[in-house]
Amino acid sequence: MPHGEMTITLQDVEVLLGLPVDGRPLVASPIVEPAELCRQLLGVTTTEEALDGSRISLPWLSRQFQAPITAETNEQTVQQEYSWGGAALAWMYRELCRACEIPAKDIAGPLILVQMWAWERFPHMVPELVAPPEIDYGEDVDGQPLPRGPHGVRNSGITMASNNWILPRFADNYVREKYTDRREYYAGLRREWEYRYNESNTLYTDLVVLGAPLPDRVSLTMPRSNVVNYEKVVKQIRKENNLMLLRRCRYYMLQLAEEMATATQRELTPNERNNVLSYEEYLSDG
C-alpha cells in the first residue's frame, strides 16, 4: 500500500510474541480432542485446570515448561521442533477470514497478536502505560541473566483509557487540578480547546481533500464564558474531532479501494462503494 506494510507477518509474530518461526510445520486435524492434541504436540498430559474448551491456560503452560536450559539441553528440545509462530499466524488469518462471513458471530485465534500489532503500527491507539513491567527472567546455568522477553512484554501493566476516543491524548493533565486549583483547571480547559481547535481545522481540511461530507462544527461557535461552558465545548469538540477522524479513515479506505479498482481497469460498483461507507458512525454528525 502507499503508506507501507499493512499486514501481520512472521516477523511480527517472532518479535512481538517471541514464538519461533523456524522448524517443522505444525499440521493437525481440527476435529482432534484438545487434550489429545496437547499430548501429541507438547508431550504432556493436560489437567482439568489446563483446558477450557479448546483454550489452554498460559500459567499452566508456563509451569510445565519452566525448567531451566542446561548445558545438556539439545537444540531440538529448545526449539520444541515446531514452527509455533507460523501456526499462530496461519490460525489467526483463518479466523479473520471466517469472521468476515455473514453468519459469523465470534472469532478465535491469537487475537493478542492483532492487538499488539495495532498498538505498534497505530501510535494513537496505544493505551496509557501505568508503570514499566517488573519481570524476573531468571538466570542460565552459569548464573547469567537470561535475555529479556519478546517485544510485546513491554505492554504488561497497562490500562486502557476510560473513553472510546481514538484521538491523540492531550498531554497536559489539567483535570487533576479541578478540585484543588480551579483557575489552573480553567486555564487547562482553554489550552485543550485551542489544541483541539487546530486539530479540528486539520481534520476538516483533510475531509475537503478527500471529498467527504463536511460536519457542522458547533464547538467552534459555542459561548465559552465560564468553566461550565468550557467543559461543554471541550467535550463537544472532542466528539466532533473523533467523528471527523473516523470519517477520514473511512473515506481514505474508499480512496484506496478506488485506486485498486482503477489499477485493474474497472470502476467500483455502487454496492462496493456503499460497503466501504456503510458504517454510520463514520458518517453521522450525532
Protein backbone atom coordinates (compact mmCIF):
# COMPACT_ATOMS: atom_id res chain seq x y z
CA MET A 1 0.00 0.00 0.00
CA PRO A 2 1.12 3.62 -0.46
CA HIS A 3 1.69 4.09 3.27
CA GLY A 4 3.77 0.94 3.78
CA GLU A 5 3.24 -2.50 5.29
CA MET A 6 -0.32 -3.06 6.48
CA THR A 7 -0.47 -6.74 7.34
CA ILE A 8 0.82 -9.01 10.10
CA THR A 9 3.88 -11.04 9.12
CA LEU A 10 6.00 -13.82 10.61
CA GLN A 11 8.46 -11.18 11.74
CA ASP A 12 5.72 -9.55 13.85
CA VAL A 13 4.90 -12.92 15.43
CA GLU A 14 8.54 -13.57 16.33
CA VAL A 15 9.27 -10.05 17.62
CA LEU A 16 6.01 -9.36 19.49
CA LEU A 17 5.18 -12.82 20.86
CA GLY A 18 8.62 -14.44 20.85
CA LEU A 19 7.31 -17.55 19.10
CA PRO A 20 9.77 -19.43 16.90
CA VAL A 21 9.04 -19.23 13.16
CA ASP A 22 11.65 -21.82 12.17
CA GLY A 23 11.10 -25.56 12.48
CA ARG A 24 8.70 -28.20 11.31
CA PRO A 25 5.28 -27.07 10.06
CA LEU A 26 2.50 -27.66 12.56
CA VAL A 27 -0.29 -29.62 10.91
CA ALA A 28 -3.18 -31.19 12.78
CA SER A 29 -6.82 -32.05 12.30
CA PRO A 30 -9.24 -29.54 13.86
CA ILE A 31 -11.53 -32.37 14.99
CA VAL A 32 -8.96 -33.89 17.36
CA GLU A 33 -9.79 -33.56 21.06
CA PRO A 34 -7.77 -30.67 22.58
CA ALA A 35 -6.34 -32.86 25.35
CA GLU A 36 -5.10 -35.43 22.85
CA LEU A 37 -3.67 -32.73 20.60
CA CYS A 38 -1.71 -31.28 23.53
CA ARG A 39 -0.36 -34.71 24.37
CA GLN A 40 0.78 -35.25 20.78
CA LEU A 41 2.39 -31.85 20.30
CA LEU A 42 3.62 -30.96 23.78
CA GLY A 43 4.37 -34.41 25.14
CA VAL A 44 2.49 -33.74 28.40
CA THR A 45 -0.94 -34.72 29.65
CA THR A 46 -3.26 -31.84 30.46
CA THR A 47 -5.39 -31.48 33.57
CA GLU A 48 -8.89 -30.11 34.08
CA GLU A 49 -7.48 -26.72 35.12
CA ALA A 50 -5.38 -26.53 31.96
CA LEU A 51 -8.18 -26.64 29.39
CA ASP A 52 -11.31 -24.56 28.98
CA GLY A 53 -12.94 -25.90 25.86
CA SER A 54 -10.24 -25.55 23.21
CA ARG A 55 -8.34 -22.88 25.18
CA ILE A 56 -5.26 -23.75 27.18
CA SER A 57 -4.14 -21.96 30.33
CA LEU A 58 -0.95 -19.96 29.82
CA PRO A 59 0.04 -20.14 33.54
CA TRP A 60 -0.28 -23.94 33.31
CA LEU A 61 1.90 -23.96 30.19
CA SER A 62 4.46 -21.80 31.96
CA ARG A 63 4.64 -24.21 34.90
CA GLN A 64 5.07 -27.20 32.62
CA PHE A 65 7.96 -25.72 30.65
CA GLN A 66 9.80 -23.60 33.19
CA ALA A 67 12.75 -25.96 33.58
CA PRO A 68 16.00 -24.00 33.03
CA ILE A 69 18.17 -24.60 29.98
CA THR A 70 21.28 -26.55 30.88
CA ALA A 71 24.42 -27.49 29.01
CA GLU A 72 22.84 -30.89 28.23
CA THR A 73 19.70 -29.40 26.68
CA ASN A 74 19.83 -30.07 22.95
CA GLU A 75 18.70 -27.65 20.27
CA GLN A 76 15.72 -29.79 19.34
CA THR A 77 14.36 -29.56 22.86
CA VAL A 78 14.92 -25.79 23.00
CA GLN A 79 13.02 -25.15 19.78
CA GLN A 80 10.38 -27.81 20.52
CA GLU A 81 10.78 -28.85 16.86
CA TYR A 82 7.78 -26.93 15.53
CA SER A 83 7.21 -23.50 13.96
CA TRP A 84 4.74 -22.29 16.57
CA GLY A 85 4.84 -18.77 15.15
CA GLY A 86 3.83 -19.98 11.71
CA ALA A 87 0.97 -21.97 13.21
CA ALA A 88 -0.26 -18.97 15.22
CA LEU A 89 -0.18 -16.68 12.15
CA ALA A 90 -1.97 -19.21 9.93
CA TRP A 91 -4.67 -19.79 12.54
CA MET A 92 -5.14 -16.06 13.04
CA TYR A 93 -5.67 -15.41 9.30
CA ARG A 94 -8.02 -18.38 9.04
CA GLU A 95 -10.13 -16.96 11.86
CA LEU A 96 -10.08 -13.42 10.40
CA CYS A 97 -11.36 -14.82 7.10
CA ARG A 98 -14.06 -16.84 8.86
CA ALA A 99 -15.16 -13.83 10.92
CA CYS A 100 -15.79 -11.86 7.68
CA GLU A 101 -18.54 -14.28 6.65
CA ILE A 102 -22.09 -13.04 7.17
CA PRO A 103 -23.24 -15.82 9.58
CA ALA A 104 -20.14 -15.41 11.82
CA LYS A 105 -20.83 -14.22 15.37
CA ASP A 106 -17.48 -14.86 17.05
CA ILE A 107 -13.77 -15.25 16.39
CA ALA A 108 -10.96 -17.32 17.85
CA GLY A 109 -7.21 -17.41 17.34
CA PRO A 110 -4.28 -15.44 18.80
CA LEU A 111 -6.09 -12.10 18.88
CA ILE A 112 -3.49 -10.72 21.29
CA LEU A 113 -1.21 -10.63 18.24
CA VAL A 114 -3.67 -8.41 16.35
CA GLN A 115 -3.98 -6.11 19.36
CA MET A 116 -0.24 -5.71 19.92
CA TRP A 117 0.41 -5.27 16.20
CA ALA A 118 -2.19 -2.48 16.09
CA TRP A 119 -0.54 -0.76 19.07
CA GLU A 120 2.83 -0.87 17.27
CA ARG A 121 1.52 0.40 13.93
CA PHE A 122 -1.04 2.98 15.13
CA PRO A 123 0.50 5.02 17.97
CA HIS A 124 -2.69 6.99 18.69
CA MET A 125 -4.35 3.73 19.80
CA VAL A 126 -1.72 2.84 22.38
CA PRO A 127 -3.18 2.68 25.91
CA GLU A 128 -1.65 4.54 28.80
CA LEU A 129 1.32 2.76 30.44
CA VAL A 130 0.80 2.74 34.18
CA ALA A 131 4.26 1.52 35.12
CA PRO A 132 7.11 -0.39 33.44
CA PRO A 133 6.60 -4.13 33.94
CA GLU A 134 8.80 -5.79 36.55
CA ILE A 135 9.56 -9.27 35.26
CA ASP A 136 12.12 -11.72 36.61
CA TYR A 137 13.55 -13.54 33.60
CA GLY A 138 15.79 -15.76 35.71
CA GLU A 139 19.36 -16.89 35.14
CA ASP A 140 21.07 -19.50 32.99
CA VAL A 141 23.21 -22.39 34.23
CA ASP A 142 26.21 -20.07 34.59
CA GLY A 143 24.30 -17.57 36.71
CA GLN A 144 23.99 -15.02 33.93
CA PRO A 145 20.66 -13.23 33.44
CA LEU A 146 18.54 -14.68 30.67
CA PRO A 147 17.59 -12.45 27.71
CA ARG A 148 14.56 -10.27 28.15
CA GLY A 149 11.26 -11.49 26.77
CA PRO A 150 9.68 -10.59 23.42
CA HIS A 151 8.92 -7.01 22.46
CA GLY A 152 5.26 -7.43 23.39
CA VAL A 153 6.18 -7.88 27.06
CA ARG A 154 6.60 -4.12 27.39
CA ASN A 155 2.82 -3.81 27.19
CA SER A 156 2.42 -5.58 30.53
CA GLY A 157 0.87 -3.49 33.29
CA ILE A 158 -1.14 -1.14 31.08
CA THR A 159 -4.60 0.30 31.44
CA MET A 160 -6.96 1.44 28.73
CA ALA A 161 -8.39 4.94 28.73
CA SER A 162 -11.88 5.25 30.21
CA ASN A 163 -13.38 6.59 26.97
CA ASN A 164 -13.67 5.38 23.39
CA TRP A 165 -11.86 8.26 21.68
CA ILE A 166 -9.21 7.40 19.15
CA LEU A 167 -7.87 10.96 19.08
CA PRO A 168 -4.32 11.65 20.30
CA ARG A 169 -4.23 12.34 24.02
CA PHE A 170 -3.84 15.92 25.23
CA ALA A 171 -0.53 15.82 27.11
CA ASP A 172 -1.48 18.40 29.75
CA ASN A 173 -3.15 16.53 32.63
CA TYR A 174 -5.03 19.56 33.93
CA VAL A 175 -8.05 17.55 35.14
CA ARG A 176 -6.29 16.74 38.41
CA GLU A 177 -6.50 20.46 39.28
CA LYS A 178 -10.30 20.52 39.11
CA TYR A 179 -10.83 20.34 42.88
CA THR A 180 -7.55 21.91 44.02
CA ASP A 181 -6.85 24.85 41.72
CA ARG A 182 -9.89 25.97 39.75
CA ARG A 183 -8.02 28.71 37.93
CA GLU A 184 -5.40 26.27 36.64
CA TYR A 185 -8.15 23.84 35.68
CA TYR A 186 -9.93 26.60 33.77
CA ALA A 187 -6.65 27.53 32.03
CA GLY A 188 -6.14 23.86 31.12
CA LEU A 189 -9.58 23.68 29.54
CA ARG A 190 -8.76 26.67 27.39
CA ARG A 191 -5.42 25.15 26.37
CA GLU A 192 -7.05 21.91 25.30
CA TRP A 193 -9.76 23.76 23.36
CA GLU A 194 -7.06 25.65 21.44
CA TYR A 195 -5.22 22.39 20.78
CA ARG A 196 -8.43 20.70 19.58
CA TYR A 197 -9.31 23.77 17.51
CA ASN A 198 -6.12 23.37 15.43
CA GLU A 199 -6.76 19.64 15.25
CA SER A 200 -10.31 20.32 14.03
CA ASN A 201 -9.07 22.57 11.22
CA THR A 202 -6.58 19.92 10.08
CA LEU A 203 -9.22 17.18 10.02
CA TYR A 204 -11.68 19.48 8.25
CA THR A 205 -9.11 20.24 5.53
CA ASP A 206 -8.41 16.53 5.08
CA LEU A 207 -12.12 15.85 4.58
CA VAL A 208 -12.26 18.58 1.93
CA VAL A 209 -9.36 16.97 0.05
CA LEU A 210 -10.99 13.53 0.25
CA GLY A 211 -14.35 14.88 -0.92
CA ALA A 212 -16.10 13.65 2.23
CA PRO A 213 -19.25 15.25 3.69
CA LEU A 214 -18.35 18.15 5.97
CA PRO A 215 -19.76 18.28 9.51
CA ASP A 216 -21.33 21.23 11.31
CA ARG A 217 -18.67 22.20 13.88
CA VAL A 218 -20.84 23.51 16.70
CA SER A 219 -17.95 23.64 19.16
CA LEU A 220 -16.28 26.48 17.25
CA THR A 221 -19.22 28.82 17.78
CA MET A 222 -20.42 27.93 21.30
CA PRO A 223 -20.02 30.59 24.02
CA ARG A 224 -17.15 29.94 26.43
CA SER A 225 -17.60 32.45 29.24
CA ASN A 226 -17.08 30.23 32.29
CA VAL A 227 -15.79 26.84 33.44
CA VAL A 228 -19.06 25.01 32.84
CA ASN A 229 -19.35 26.29 29.28
CA TYR A 230 -15.70 25.46 28.60
CA GLU A 231 -16.24 21.91 29.88
CA LYS A 232 -19.18 21.52 27.50
CA VAL A 233 -17.35 22.93 24.50
CA VAL A 234 -14.20 20.85 25.11
CA LYS A 235 -16.33 17.71 25.35
CA GLN A 236 -18.15 18.71 22.15
CA ILE A 237 -15.02 19.43 20.14
CA ARG A 238 -13.53 16.08 21.18
CA LYS A 239 -16.66 14.36 19.90
CA GLU A 240 -16.66 16.30 16.64
CA ASN A 241 -12.98 15.65 16.01
CA ASN A 242 -13.37 11.97 16.79
CA LEU A 243 -16.19 11.65 14.26
CA MET A 244 -14.19 13.56 11.65
CA LEU A 245 -11.23 11.26 12.23
CA LEU A 246 -13.43 8.19 11.79
CA ARG A 247 -14.95 9.70 8.67
CA ARG A 248 -11.49 10.49 7.29
CA CYS A 249 -10.45 6.85 7.84
CA ARG A 250 -13.48 5.54 6.00
CA TYR A 251 -13.09 7.89 3.03
CA TYR A 252 -9.39 7.14 2.85
CA MET A 253 -10.33 3.45 2.63
CA LEU A 254 -12.70 4.37 -0.19
CA GLN A 255 -9.88 6.22 -1.96
CA LEU A 256 -7.65 3.14 -1.69
CA ALA A 257 -10.44 0.91 -2.98
CA GLU A 258 -10.96 3.21 -5.97
CA GLU A 259 -7.21 3.19 -6.70
CA MET A 260 -7.16 -0.61 -6.60
CA ALA A 261 -10.18 -0.78 -8.91
CA THR A 262 -8.53 1.64 -11.35
CA ALA A 263 -5.37 -0.48 -11.32
CA THR A 264 -7.47 -3.43 -12.53
CA GLN A 265 -9.11 -1.23 -15.20
CA ARG A 266 -12.56 -1.11 -13.70
CA GLU A 267 -14.74 1.13 -11.51
CA LEU A 268 -16.24 0.46 -8.11
CA THR A 269 -19.86 -0.63 -8.27
CA PRO A 270 -22.41 1.31 -6.18
CA ASN A 271 -22.72 -1.73 -3.93
CA GLU A 272 -18.95 -1.87 -3.34
CA ARG A 273 -18.85 1.83 -2.57
CA ASN A 274 -21.74 1.51 -0.12
CA ASN A 275 -20.00 -1.39 1.61
CA VAL A 276 -16.98 0.82 2.32
CA LEU A 277 -19.16 3.64 3.66
CA SER A 278 -21.83 1.53 5.34
CA TYR A 279 -20.83 2.05 8.98
CA GLU A 280 -22.97 5.00 10.04
CA GLU A 281 -20.70 6.17 12.88
CA TYR A 282 -18.18 7.25 10.27
CA LEU A 283 -20.74 9.48 8.62
CA SER A 284 -23.01 10.69 11.39
CA ASP A 285 -22.67 14.15 12.90
CA GLY A 286 -24.56 12.99 16.01
